[in-house]
Amino acid sequence: MMNLSIDQSNLYLLLPSKISWMASFLAEDKGISAVEAIKQLYSSEVYRKLEDEKTKKWHLGPVALYEEFEEMT
């Protein structure tokens, strides 16, 4: 049987799709490039929490994560 649990060693597999969605929202909302949006997201407090499995932020969808990002900026 496959191991389907998320832990710190495999969390990185979930992050790119969440960041991609969030970057699309940010680029559209702020009128910035996708690259700039990605840079802002990867340097944010929300990302630091997202990449730490203990926070369980990976459970949240991109909309909820983006709303949190907006609240923190």
PDB file of N, CA and C in Angstrom:
ATOM      1  N   MET A   1       0.835  -1.179   0.000  1.00  0.00           N
ATOM      2  CA  MET A   1       0.000   0.000   0.000  1.00  0.00           C
ATOM      3  C   MET A   1       0.884   1.248   0.000  1.00  0.00           C
ATOM      4  N   MET A   2       0.455   2.258  -0.728  1.00  0.00           N
ATOM      5  CA  MET A   2       1.217   3.501  -0.831  1.00  0.00           C
ATOM      6  C   MET A   2       1.074   4.342   0.435  1.00  0.00           C
ATOM      7  N   ASN A   3       2.140   5.074   0.734  1.00  0.00           N
ATOM      8  CA  ASN A   3       2.107   6.031   1.837  1.00  0.00           C
ATOM      9  C   ASN A   3       1.505   7.324   1.308  1.00  0.00           C
ATOM     10  N   LEU A   4       0.320   7.667   1.764  1.00  0.00           N
ATOM     11  CA  LEU A   4      -0.369   8.859   1.268  1.00  0.00           C
ATOM     12  C   LEU A   4      -0.346  10.011   2.249  1.00  0.00           C
ATOM     13  N   SER A   5       0.501   9.935   3.252  1.00  0.00           N
ATOM     14  CA  SER A   5       0.549  11.007   4.239  1.00  0.00           C
ATOM     15  C   SER A   5       1.489  12.120   3.777  1.00  0.00           C
ATOM     16  N   ILE A   6       1.158  13.334   4.211  1.00  0.00           N
ATOM     17  CA  ILE A   6       1.994  14.492   3.919  1.00  0.00           C
ATOM     18  C   ILE A   6       2.861  14.752   5.132  1.00  0.00           C
ATOM     19  N   ASP A   7       4.154  14.908   4.886  1.00  0.00           N
ATOM     20  CA  ASP A   7       5.070  15.286   5.952  1.00  0.00           C
ATOM     21  C   ASP A   7       6.088  16.268   5.370  1.00  0.00           C
ATOM     22  N   GLN A   8       7.018  16.714   6.194  1.00  0.00           N
ATOM     23  CA  GLN A   8       7.962  17.731   5.745  1.00  0.00           C
ATOM     24  C   GLN A   8       8.790  17.264   4.551  1.00  0.00           C
ATOM     25  N   SER A   9       9.011  15.975   4.438  1.00  0.00           N
ATOM     26  CA  SER A   9       9.860  15.467   3.351  1.00  0.00           C
ATOM     27  C   SER A   9       9.173  15.467   1.989  1.00  0.00           C
ATOM     28  N   ASN A  10       7.843  15.506   1.940  1.00  0.00           N
ATOM     29  CA  ASN A  10       7.173  15.499   0.636  1.00  0.00           C
ATOM     30  C   ASN A  10       6.228  16.692   0.435  1.00  0.00           C
ATOM     31  N   LEU A  11       6.180  17.582   1.394  1.00  0.00           N
ATOM     32  CA  LEU A  11       5.316  18.759   1.305  1.00  0.00           C
ATOM     33  C   LEU A  11       5.618  19.601   0.062  1.00  0.00           C
ATOM     34  N   TYR A  12       6.890  19.661  -0.313  1.00  0.00           N
ATOM     35  CA  TYR A  12       7.304  20.463  -1.461  1.00  0.00           C
ATOM     36  C   TYR A  12       6.539  20.101  -2.747  1.00  0.00           C
ATOM     37  N   LEU A  13       5.995  18.922  -2.817  1.00  0.00           N
ATOM     38  CA  LEU A  13       5.254  18.498  -4.012  1.00  0.00           C
ATOM     39  C   LEU A  13       3.936  19.253  -4.175  1.00  0.00           C
ATOM     40  N   LEU A  14       3.372  19.736  -3.086  1.00  0.00           N
ATOM     41  CA  LEU A  14       2.094  20.444  -3.135  1.00  0.00           C
ATOM     42  C   LEU A  14       2.229  21.941  -3.389  1.00  0.00           C
ATOM     43  N   LEU A  15       3.364  22.501  -3.076  1.00  0.00           N
ATOM     44  CA  LEU A  15       3.503  23.953  -3.065  1.00  0.00           C
ATOM     45  C   LEU A  15       3.456  24.633  -4.437  1.00  0.00           C
ATOM     46  N   PRO A  16       4.080  24.096  -5.463  1.00  0.00           N
ATOM     47  CA  PRO A  16       4.073  24.812  -6.746  1.00  0.00           C
ATOM     48  C   PRO A  16       2.681  25.105  -7.302  1.00  0.00           C
ATOM     49  N   SER A  17       1.755  24.176  -7.182  1.00  0.00           N
ATOM     50  CA  SER A  17       0.423  24.443  -7.734  1.00  0.00           C
ATOM     51  C   SER A  17      -0.294  25.526  -6.931  1.00  0.00           C
ATOM     52  N   LYS A  18      -0.120  25.534  -5.619  1.00  0.00           N
ATOM     53  CA  LYS A  18      -0.748  26.570  -4.797  1.00  0.00           C
ATOM     54  C   LYS A  18      -0.147  27.940  -5.118  1.00  0.00           C
ATOM     55  N   ILE A  19       1.164  27.994  -5.245  1.00  0.00           N
ATOM     56  CA  ILE A  19       1.828  29.256  -5.566  1.00  0.00           C
ATOM     57  C   ILE A  19       1.436  29.730  -6.959  1.00  0.00           C
ATOM     58  N   SER A  20       1.305  28.822  -7.893  1.00  0.00           N
ATOM     59  CA  SER A  20       0.896  29.181  -9.252  1.00  0.00           C
ATOM     60  C   SER A  20      -0.465  29.872  -9.260  1.00  0.00           C
ATOM     61  N   TRP A  21      -1.430  29.264  -8.567  1.00  0.00           N
ATOM     62  CA  TRP A  21      -2.761  29.868  -8.483  1.00  0.00           C
ATOM     63  C   TRP A  21      -2.697  31.233  -7.809  1.00  0.00           C
ATOM     64  N   MET A  22      -1.987  31.292  -6.690  1.00  0.00           N
ATOM     65  CA  MET A  22      -1.882  32.543  -5.947  1.00  0.00           C
ATOM     66  C   MET A  22      -1.196  33.624  -6.778  1.00  0.00           C
ATOM     67  N   ALA A  23      -0.181  33.253  -7.531  1.00  0.00           N
ATOM     68  CA  ALA A  23       0.534  34.211  -8.376  1.00  0.00           C
ATOM     69  C   ALA A  23      -0.386  34.770  -9.458  1.00  0.00           C
ATOM     70  N   SER A  24      -1.242  33.939  -9.992  1.00  0.00           N
ATOM     71  CA  SER A  24      -2.211  34.416 -10.988  1.00  0.00           C
ATOM     72  C   SER A  24      -3.141  35.451 -10.382  1.00  0.00           C
ATOM     73  N   PHE A  25      -3.636  35.166  -9.183  1.00  0.00           N
ATOM     74  CA  PHE A  25      -4.518  36.122  -8.495  1.00  0.00           C
ATOM     75  C   PHE A  25      -3.781  37.434  -8.239  1.00  0.00           C
ATOM     76  N   LEU A  26      -2.566  37.340  -7.711  1.00  0.00           N
ATOM     77  CA  LEU A  26      -1.795  38.524  -7.354  1.00  0.00           C
ATOM     78  C   LEU A  26      -1.444  39.353  -8.577  1.00  0.00           C
ATOM     79  N   ALA A  27      -0.993  38.694  -9.644  1.00  0.00           N
ATOM     80  CA  ALA A  27      -0.624  39.413 -10.865  1.00  0.00           C
ATOM     81  C   ALA A  27      -1.828  40.166 -11.429  1.00  0.00           C
ATOM     82  N   GLU A  28      -2.972  39.516 -11.435  1.00  0.00           N
ATOM     83  CA  GLU A  28      -4.175  40.170 -11.961  1.00  0.00           C
ATOM     84  C   GLU A  28      -4.632  41.319 -11.057  1.00  0.00           C
ATOM     85  N   ASP A  29      -4.641  41.081  -9.753  1.00  0.00           N
ATOM     86  CA  ASP A  29      -5.111  42.106  -8.821  1.00  0.00           C
ATOM     87  C   ASP A  29      -4.215  43.333  -8.786  1.00  0.00           C
ATOM     88  N   LYS A  30      -2.905  43.124  -8.873  1.00  0.00           N
ATOM     89  CA  LYS A  30      -1.949  44.226  -8.731  1.00  0.00           C
ATOM     90  C   LYS A  30      -1.406  44.741 -10.060  1.00  0.00           C
ATOM     91  N   GLY A  31      -1.745  44.072 -11.153  1.00  0.00           N
ATOM     92  CA  GLY A  31      -1.238  44.498 -12.459  1.00  0.00           C
ATOM     93  C   GLY A  31       0.264  44.352 -12.577  1.00  0.00           C
ATOM     94  N   ILE A  32       0.785  43.265 -12.022  1.00  0.00           N
ATOM     95  CA  ILE A  32       2.222  43.003 -12.093  1.00  0.00           C
ATOM     96  C   ILE A  32       2.463  41.725 -12.893  1.00  0.00           C
ATOM     97  N   SER A  33       3.718  41.492 -13.210  1.00  0.00           N
ATOM     98  CA  SER A  33       4.046  40.287 -13.978  1.00  0.00           C
ATOM     99  C   SER A  33       3.923  39.049 -13.086  1.00  0.00           C
ATOM    100  N   ALA A  34       3.779  37.923 -13.729  1.00  0.00           N
ATOM    101  CA  ALA A  34       3.714  36.651 -13.000  1.00  0.00           C
ATOM    102  C   ALA A  34       5.014  36.407 -12.240  1.00  0.00           C
ATOM    103  N   VAL A  35       6.125  36.770 -12.831  1.00  0.00           N
ATOM    104  CA  VAL A  35       7.427  36.579 -12.179  1.00  0.00           C
ATOM    105  C   VAL A  35       7.507  37.418 -10.902  1.00  0.00           C
ATOM    106  N   GLU A  36       7.080  38.673 -10.985  1.00  0.00           N
ATOM    107  CA  GLU A  36       7.089  39.532  -9.806  1.00  0.00           C
ATOM    108  C   GLU A  36       6.146  38.989  -8.739  1.00  0.00           C
ATOM    109  N   ALA A  37       4.992  38.501  -9.143  1.00  0.00           N
ATOM    110  CA  ALA A  37       4.031  37.926  -8.202  1.00  0.00           C
ATOM    111  C   ALA A  37       4.641  36.720  -7.491  1.00  0.00           C
ATOM    112  N   ILE A  38       5.303  35.868  -8.234  1.00  0.00           N
ATOM    113  CA  ILE A  38       5.941  34.685  -7.647  1.00  0.00           C
ATOM    114  C   ILE A  38       7.024  35.098  -6.659  1.00  0.00           C
ATOM    115  N   LYS A  39       7.826  36.092  -7.020  1.00  0.00           N
ATOM    116  CA  LYS A  39       8.872  36.581  -6.111  1.00  0.00           C
ATOM    117  C   LYS A  39       8.265  37.074  -4.809  1.00  0.00           C
ATOM    118  N   GLN A  40       7.180  37.842  -4.904  1.00  0.00           N
ATOM    119  CA  GLN A  40       6.535  38.362  -3.701  1.00  0.00           C
ATOM    120  C   GLN A  40       5.990  37.232  -2.832  1.00  0.00           C
ATOM    121  N   LEU A  41       5.397  36.255  -3.461  1.00  0.00           N
ATOM    122  CA  LEU A  41       4.821  35.147  -2.703  1.00  0.00           C
ATOM    123  C   LEU A  41       5.891  34.305  -2.015  1.00  0.00           C
ATOM    124  N   TYR A  42       6.958  33.973  -2.752  1.00  0.00           N
ATOM    125  CA  TYR A  42       7.998  33.138  -2.168  1.00  0.00           C
ATOM    126  C   TYR A  42       8.750  33.848  -1.045  1.00  0.00           C
ATOM    127  N   SER A  43       8.726  35.169  -1.013  1.00  0.00           N
ATOM    128  CA  SER A  43       9.412  35.904   0.053  1.00  0.00           C
ATOM    129  C   SER A  43       8.457  36.320   1.177  1.00  0.00           C
ATOM    130  N   SER A  44       7.238  35.842   1.139  1.00  0.00           N
ATOM    131  CA  SER A  44       6.226  36.266   2.112  1.00  0.00           C
ATOM    132  C   SER A  44       6.186  35.380   3.361  1.00  0.00           C
ATOM    133  N   GLU A  45       5.588  35.934   4.396  1.00  0.00           N
ATOM    134  CA  GLU A  45       5.353  35.183   5.630  1.00  0.00           C
ATOM    135  C   GLU A  45       4.393  34.022   5.375  1.00  0.00           C
ATOM    136  N   VAL A  46       3.431  34.225   4.498  1.00  0.00           N
ATOM    137  CA  VAL A  46       2.481  33.154   4.175  1.00  0.00           C
ATOM    138  C   VAL A  46       3.224  31.948   3.604  1.00  0.00           C
ATOM    139  N   TYR A  47       4.191  32.187   2.732  1.00  0.00           N
ATOM    140  CA  TYR A  47       4.951  31.067   2.175  1.00  0.00           C
ATOM    141  C   TYR A  47       5.775  30.372   3.247  1.00  0.00           C
ATOM    142  N   ARG A  48       6.396  31.154   4.144  1.00  0.00           N
ATOM    143  CA  ARG A  48       7.180  30.536   5.218  1.00  0.00           C
ATOM    144  C   ARG A  48       6.300  29.608   6.057  1.00  0.00           C
ATOM    145  N   LYS A  49       5.064  30.021   6.290  1.00  0.00           N
ATOM    146  CA  LYS A  49       4.138  29.162   7.035  1.00  0.00           C
ATOM    147  C   LYS A  49       3.706  27.971   6.187  1.00  0.00           C
ATOM    148  N   LEU A  50       3.460  28.213   4.912  1.00  0.00           N
ATOM    149  CA  LEU A  50       3.015  27.157   4.011  1.00  0.00           C
ATOM    150  C   LEU A  50       4.049  26.054   3.880  1.00  0.00           C
ATOM    151  N   GLU A  51       5.319  26.409   3.847  1.00  0.00           N
ATOM    152  CA  GLU A  51       6.351  25.394   3.662  1.00  0.00           C
ATOM    153  C   GLU A  51       6.709  24.645   4.947  1.00  0.00           C
ATOM    154  N   ASP A  52       6.108  25.041   6.059  1.00  0.00           N
ATOM    155  CA  ASP A  52       6.317  24.342   7.328  1.00  0.00           C
ATOM    156  C   ASP A  52       5.121  23.425   7.568  1.00  0.00           C
ATOM    157  N   GLU A  53       5.328  22.143   7.451  1.00  0.00           N
ATOM    158  CA  GLU A  53       4.240  21.167   7.549  1.00  0.00           C
ATOM    159  C   GLU A  53       3.491  21.273   8.868  1.00  0.00           C
ATOM    160  N   LYS A  54       4.188  21.652   9.931  1.00  0.00           N
ATOM    161  CA  LYS A  54       3.559  21.725  11.246  1.00  0.00           C
ATOM    162  C   LYS A  54       2.416  22.737  11.313  1.00  0.00           C
ATOM    163  N   THR A  55       2.421  23.764  10.462  1.00  0.00           N
ATOM    164  CA  THR A  55       1.361  24.772  10.480  1.00  0.00           C
ATOM    165  C   THR A  55       0.073  24.261   9.843  1.00  0.00           C
ATOM    166  N   LYS A  56       0.192  23.201   9.046  1.00  0.00           N
ATOM    167  CA  LYS A  56      -0.943  22.615   8.320  1.00  0.00           C
ATOM    168  C   LYS A  56      -1.579  23.584   7.323  1.00  0.00           C
ATOM    169  N   LYS A  57      -0.857  24.637   6.925  1.00  0.00           N
ATOM    170  CA  LYS A  57      -1.376  25.589   5.939  1.00  0.00           C
ATOM    171  C   LYS A  57      -1.588  24.924   4.584  1.00  0.00           C
ATOM    172  N   TRP A  58      -0.898  23.822   4.343  1.00  0.00           N
ATOM    173  CA  TRP A  58      -1.055  23.131   3.058  1.00  0.00           C
ATOM    174  C   TRP A  58      -2.463  22.597   2.884  1.00  0.00           C
ATOM    175  N   HIS A  59      -3.217  22.508   3.970  1.00  0.00           N
ATOM    176  CA  HIS A  59      -4.620  22.094   3.876  1.00  0.00           C
ATOM    177  C   HIS A  59      -5.476  23.159   3.183  1.00  0.00           C
ATOM    178  N   LEU A  60      -5.052  24.404   3.258  1.00  0.00           N
ATOM    179  CA  LEU A  60      -5.841  25.505   2.705  1.00  0.00           C
ATOM    180  C   LEU A  60      -5.729  25.552   1.187  1.00  0.00           C
ATOM    181  N   GLY A  61      -6.767  26.008   0.562  1.00  0.00           N
ATOM    182  CA  GLY A  61      -6.752  26.195  -0.885  1.00  0.00           C
ATOM    183  C   GLY A  61      -6.081  27.505  -1.249  1.00  0.00           C
ATOM    184  N   PRO A  62      -5.817  27.712  -2.524  1.00  0.00           N
ATOM    185  CA  PRO A  62      -5.120  28.921  -2.953  1.00  0.00           C
ATOM    186  C   PRO A  62      -5.899  30.205  -2.661  1.00  0.00           C
ATOM    187  N   VAL A  63      -7.216  30.153  -2.679  1.00  0.00           N
ATOM    188  CA  VAL A  63      -7.996  31.365  -2.400  1.00  0.00           C
ATOM    189  C   VAL A  63      -7.810  31.779  -0.941  1.00  0.00           C
ATOM    190  N   ALA A  64      -7.925  30.838  -0.028  1.00  0.00           N
ATOM    191  CA  ALA A  64      -7.733  31.139   1.398  1.00  0.00           C
ATOM    192  C   ALA A  64      -6.309  31.615   1.670  1.00  0.00           C
ATOM    193  N   LEU A  65      -5.339  30.990   1.041  1.00  0.00           N
ATOM    194  CA  LEU A  65      -3.948  31.406   1.215  1.00  0.00           C
ATOM    195  C   LEU A  65      -3.727  32.809   0.651  1.00  0.00           C
ATOM    196  N   TYR A  66      -4.323  33.089  -0.482  1.00  0.00           N
ATOM    197  CA  TYR A  66      -4.183  34.420  -1.078  1.00  0.00           C
ATOM    198  C   TYR A  66      -4.833  35.476  -0.183  1.00  0.00           C
ATOM    199  N   GLU A  67      -5.981  35.176   0.376  1.00  0.00           N
ATOM    200  CA  GLU A  67      -6.637  36.117   1.285  1.00  0.00           C
ATOM    201  C   GLU A  67      -5.745  36.381   2.496  1.00  0.00           C
ATOM    202  N   GLU A  68      -5.110  35.356   3.012  1.00  0.00           N
ATOM    203  CA  GLU A  68      -4.187  35.544   4.124  1.00  0.00           C
ATOM    204  C   GLU A  68      -3.005  36.402   3.707  1.00  0.00           C
ATOM    205  N   PHE A  69      -2.476  36.155   2.516  1.00  0.00           N
ATOM    206  CA  PHE A  69      -1.378  36.955   1.993  1.00  0.00           C
ATOM    207  C   PHE A  69      -1.784  38.427   1.911  1.00  0.00           C
ATOM    208  N   GLU A  70      -2.970  38.695   1.393  1.00  0.00           N
ATOM    209  CA  GLU A  70      -3.461  40.066   1.266  1.00  0.00           C
ATOM    210  C   GLU A  70      -3.613  40.742   2.632  1.00  0.00           C
ATOM    211  N   GLU A  71      -4.068  39.992   3.613  1.00  0.00           N
ATOM    212  CA  GLU A  71      -4.224  40.545   4.959  1.00  0.00           C
ATOM    213  C   GLU A  71      -2.873  40.914   5.573  1.00  0.00           C
ATOM    214  N   MET A  72      -1.828  40.167   5.220  1.00  0.00           N
ATOM    215  CA  MET A  72      -0.511  40.398   5.809  1.00  0.00           C
ATOM    216  C   MET A  72       0.284  41.471   5.075  1.00  0.00           C
ATOM    217  N   THR A  73      -0.165  41.871   3.923  1.00  0.00           N
ATOM    218  CA  THR A  73       0.593  42.892   3.177  1.00  0.00           C
ATOM    219  C   THR A  73      -0.065  44.237   3.249  1.00  0.00           C
TER     220      THR A  73
END
